[in-house]
C-alpha cells in the first residue's frame, strides 16, 4: 500500500477477504474498514473517502464519538 490518500490494500484471513487498510490522508496511519451486508469492499472504501473531511477519522465516526462522550458526561452529572 502506498502513502497517498485513497490508496488501500486488501486484508486477508487465510483465503478470505476481511477488509481493507485505507489511507484517508497522505502518510498517515491507515483506517481499517470492512464490507458489510450488501456493501462491497470497494463501495465501503468509496463511502469512507466521501465523508472524509481532511482528518484521519471520517466525520460520521468523529461525530458519533463526540455524541457518546457527551451522553457519558451527562450521566456522570446525575
N, C-alpha and C. Protein backbone atom coordinates (compact mmCIF):
# COMPACT_ATOMS: atom_id res chain seq x y z
N UNK A 1 0.86 -1.19 0.00
CA UNK A 1 0.00 0.00 0.00
C UNK A 1 0.89 1.23 0.00
N UNK A 2 0.49 2.18 -0.80
CA UNK A 2 1.24 3.42 -0.90
C UNK A 2 0.95 4.38 0.25
N UNK A 3 1.48 5.57 0.15
CA UNK A 3 1.34 6.56 1.22
C UNK A 3 0.33 7.64 0.90
N UNK A 4 -0.26 7.62 -0.31
CA UNK A 4 -1.17 8.68 -0.73
C UNK A 4 -2.59 8.45 -0.24
N UNK A 5 -3.33 9.54 -0.11
CA UNK A 5 -4.74 9.46 0.26
C UNK A 5 -5.49 8.62 -0.77
N UNK A 6 -6.34 7.73 -0.29
CA UNK A 6 -7.15 6.91 -1.17
C UNK A 6 -6.53 5.58 -1.54
N UNK A 7 -5.25 5.39 -1.21
CA UNK A 7 -4.63 4.10 -1.52
C UNK A 7 -5.04 3.10 -0.45
N UNK A 8 -5.27 1.86 -0.87
CA UNK A 8 -5.71 0.85 0.07
C UNK A 8 -5.21 -0.52 -0.33
N UNK A 9 -5.20 -1.41 0.66
CA UNK A 9 -4.76 -2.78 0.45
C UNK A 9 -5.77 -3.71 1.10
N UNK A 10 -6.01 -4.83 0.46
CA UNK A 10 -6.94 -5.83 0.97
C UNK A 10 -6.34 -6.51 2.20
N UNK A 11 -7.18 -6.77 3.20
CA UNK A 11 -6.77 -7.53 4.38
C UNK A 11 -7.34 -8.94 4.26
N UNK A 12 -6.49 -9.92 4.45
CA UNK A 12 -6.89 -11.31 4.28
C UNK A 12 -6.76 -12.07 5.60
N UNK A 13 -7.66 -13.03 5.80
CA UNK A 13 -7.56 -14.00 6.88
C UNK A 13 -7.53 -15.36 6.18
N UNK A 14 -6.34 -15.87 5.95
CA UNK A 14 -6.21 -17.05 5.12
C UNK A 14 -6.55 -16.70 3.69
N UNK A 15 -7.59 -17.36 3.16
CA UNK A 15 -8.03 -17.07 1.80
C UNK A 15 -9.24 -16.14 1.75
N UNK A 16 -9.71 -15.70 2.91
CA UNK A 16 -10.91 -14.86 2.99
C UNK A 16 -10.55 -13.38 3.08
N UNK A 17 -11.20 -12.55 2.25
CA UNK A 17 -11.03 -11.10 2.33
C UNK A 17 -11.89 -10.61 3.50
N UNK A 18 -11.25 -9.95 4.47
CA UNK A 18 -11.98 -9.48 5.65
C UNK A 18 -12.08 -7.96 5.73
N UNK A 19 -11.39 -7.25 4.86
CA UNK A 19 -11.46 -5.79 4.91
C UNK A 19 -10.35 -5.16 4.11
N UNK A 20 -10.07 -3.89 4.48
CA UNK A 20 -9.03 -3.14 3.78
C UNK A 20 -8.38 -2.16 4.74
N UNK A 21 -7.11 -1.89 4.47
CA UNK A 21 -6.39 -0.82 5.15
C UNK A 21 -6.41 0.36 4.17
N UNK A 22 -6.95 1.47 4.60
CA UNK A 22 -7.18 2.63 3.72
C UNK A 22 -6.51 3.87 4.29
N UNK A 23 -5.78 4.57 3.44
CA UNK A 23 -5.20 5.86 3.86
C UNK A 23 -6.22 6.96 3.54
N UNK A 24 -6.59 7.72 4.56
CA UNK A 24 -7.52 8.82 4.37
C UNK A 24 -6.79 10.16 4.24
N UNK A 25 -5.50 10.15 4.54
CA UNK A 25 -4.63 11.32 4.36
C UNK A 25 -3.27 10.84 3.91
N UNK A 26 -2.48 11.74 3.36
CA UNK A 26 -1.13 11.40 2.95
C UNK A 26 -0.29 11.00 4.15
N UNK A 27 0.37 9.87 4.06
CA UNK A 27 1.36 9.40 5.02
C UNK A 27 0.83 9.31 6.46
N UNK A 28 -0.43 8.96 6.64
CA UNK A 28 -0.96 8.76 7.99
C UNK A 28 -1.19 7.27 8.20
N UNK A 29 -1.48 6.90 9.44
CA UNK A 29 -1.82 5.51 9.72
C UNK A 29 -3.10 5.17 8.97
N UNK A 30 -3.20 3.96 8.47
CA UNK A 30 -4.42 3.59 7.74
C UNK A 30 -5.60 3.35 8.67
N UNK A 31 -6.79 3.51 8.12
CA UNK A 31 -8.01 3.11 8.81
C UNK A 31 -8.32 1.70 8.31
N UNK A 32 -8.91 0.90 9.17
CA UNK A 32 -9.28 -0.45 8.78
C UNK A 32 -10.78 -0.48 8.60
N UNK A 33 -11.21 -0.86 7.41
CA UNK A 33 -12.63 -0.89 7.10
C UNK A 33 -13.00 -2.26 6.57
N UNK A 34 -14.29 -2.57 6.62
CA UNK A 34 -14.72 -3.87 6.12
C UNK A 34 -16.04 -3.73 5.38
N UNK A 35 -16.30 -4.70 4.53
CA UNK A 35 -17.56 -4.75 3.81
C UNK A 35 -18.62 -5.30 4.77
N UNK A 36 -19.86 -5.01 4.47
CA UNK A 36 -20.98 -5.49 5.28
C UNK A 36 -22.09 -5.95 4.36
N UNK A 37 -23.22 -6.25 4.94
CA UNK A 37 -24.36 -6.77 4.19
C UNK A 37 -24.70 -5.84 3.03
N UNK A 38 -24.62 -6.34 1.82
CA UNK A 38 -24.98 -5.65 0.59
C UNK A 38 -24.11 -4.43 0.29
N UNK A 39 -22.92 -4.35 0.90
CA UNK A 39 -21.96 -3.29 0.61
C UNK A 39 -20.62 -3.96 0.30
N UNK A 40 -20.13 -3.76 -0.91
CA UNK A 40 -18.85 -4.36 -1.29
C UNK A 40 -17.71 -3.61 -0.62
N UNK A 41 -16.56 -4.23 -0.62
CA UNK A 41 -15.38 -3.58 -0.05
C UNK A 41 -15.04 -2.31 -0.82
N UNK A 42 -15.14 -2.37 -2.13
CA UNK A 42 -14.84 -1.19 -2.95
C UNK A 42 -15.80 -0.04 -2.62
N UNK A 43 -17.09 -0.36 -2.41
CA UNK A 43 -18.06 0.67 -2.05
C UNK A 43 -17.77 1.22 -0.66
N UNK A 44 -17.38 0.36 0.27
CA UNK A 44 -17.03 0.81 1.63
C UNK A 44 -15.86 1.78 1.58
N UNK A 45 -14.87 1.50 0.73
CA UNK A 45 -13.73 2.39 0.57
C UNK A 45 -14.20 3.73 -0.01
N UNK A 46 -15.01 3.70 -1.05
CA UNK A 46 -15.51 4.94 -1.67
C UNK A 46 -16.34 5.76 -0.68
N UNK A 47 -17.19 5.08 0.09
CA UNK A 47 -18.04 5.79 1.05
C UNK A 47 -17.20 6.44 2.15
N UNK A 48 -16.17 5.74 2.61
CA UNK A 48 -15.30 6.29 3.64
C UNK A 48 -14.59 7.53 3.13
N UNK A 49 -14.08 7.48 1.91
CA UNK A 49 -13.41 8.65 1.35
C UNK A 49 -14.38 9.79 1.09
N UNK A 50 -15.63 9.47 0.79
CA UNK A 50 -16.63 10.51 0.50
C UNK A 50 -16.96 11.35 1.73
N UNK A 51 -16.84 10.79 2.93
CA UNK A 51 -17.17 11.53 4.14
C UNK A 51 -15.93 12.01 4.88
N UNK A 52 -14.79 11.87 4.24
CA UNK A 52 -13.53 12.34 4.80
C UNK A 52 -13.53 13.86 4.77
N UNK A 53 -13.12 14.46 5.86
CA UNK A 53 -13.10 15.93 5.91
C UNK A 53 -11.69 16.45 6.21
N UNK A 54 -10.69 15.77 5.70
CA UNK A 54 -9.33 16.24 5.88
C UNK A 54 -8.64 15.72 7.12
N UNK A 55 -9.33 14.93 7.90
CA UNK A 55 -8.72 14.33 9.09
C UNK A 55 -8.60 12.83 8.86
N UNK A 56 -7.87 12.16 9.72
CA UNK A 56 -7.68 10.72 9.55
C UNK A 56 -8.99 9.96 9.73
N UNK A 57 -9.76 10.33 10.74
CA UNK A 57 -11.03 9.64 11.03
C UNK A 57 -12.16 10.38 10.33
N UNK A 58 -12.99 9.68 9.56
CA UNK A 58 -14.09 10.33 8.84
C UNK A 58 -15.09 11.02 9.78
N UNK A 59 -15.74 12.03 9.26
CA UNK A 59 -16.66 12.87 10.02
C UNK A 59 -17.73 12.09 10.79
N UNK A 60 -18.46 11.13 10.20
CA UNK A 60 -19.50 10.44 10.96
C UNK A 60 -18.96 9.70 12.19
N UNK A 61 -17.77 9.14 12.07
CA UNK A 61 -17.17 8.43 13.21
C UNK A 61 -16.80 9.42 14.31
N UNK A 62 -16.22 10.56 13.94
CA UNK A 62 -15.87 11.58 14.95
C UNK A 62 -17.12 12.11 15.63
N UNK A 63 -18.17 12.39 14.86
CA UNK A 63 -19.41 12.92 15.45
C UNK A 63 -20.06 11.91 16.39
N UNK A 64 -20.05 10.63 16.02
CA UNK A 64 -20.60 9.60 16.89
C UNK A 64 -19.80 9.52 18.19
N UNK A 65 -18.49 9.61 18.11
CA UNK A 65 -17.64 9.57 19.30
C UNK A 65 -17.93 10.76 20.22
N UNK A 66 -18.08 11.94 19.63
CA UNK A 66 -18.40 13.13 20.44
C UNK A 66 -19.77 13.00 21.11
N UNK A 67 -20.75 12.46 20.38
CA UNK A 67 -22.09 12.28 20.94
C UNK A 67 -22.06 11.33 22.14
N UNK A 68 -21.37 10.21 21.99
CA UNK A 68 -21.28 9.24 23.09
C UNK A 68 -20.56 9.85 24.28
N UNK A 69 -19.51 10.62 24.04
CA UNK A 69 -18.81 11.29 25.14
C UNK A 69 -19.73 12.26 25.87
N UNK A 70 -20.54 13.01 25.13
CA UNK A 70 -21.47 13.95 25.76
C UNK A 70 -22.53 13.22 26.58
N UNK A 71 -23.02 12.11 26.08
CA UNK A 71 -24.02 11.32 26.83
C UNK A 71 -23.40 10.78 28.12
N UNK A 72 -22.17 10.32 28.05
CA UNK A 72 -21.47 9.82 29.25
C UNK A 72 -21.32 10.93 30.29
N UNK A 73 -20.95 12.12 29.82
CA UNK A 73 -20.77 13.26 30.73
C UNK A 73 -22.08 13.61 31.43
N UNK A 74 -23.17 13.62 30.66
CA UNK A 74 -24.49 13.92 31.26
C UNK A 74 -24.85 12.87 32.30
N UNK A 75 -24.49 11.62 32.06
CA UNK A 75 -24.76 10.54 33.00
C UNK A 75 -24.00 10.70 34.29
N UNK A 76 -22.81 11.27 34.25
CA UNK A 76 -21.99 11.49 35.44
C UNK A 76 -22.57 12.60 36.29
N UNK A 77 -23.27 13.55 35.68
CA UNK A 77 -23.83 14.69 36.40
C UNK A 77 -25.04 14.30 37.24
N UNK A 78 -25.68 13.19 36.92
CA UNK A 78 -26.90 12.77 37.62
C UNK A 78 -26.61 12.23 38.99
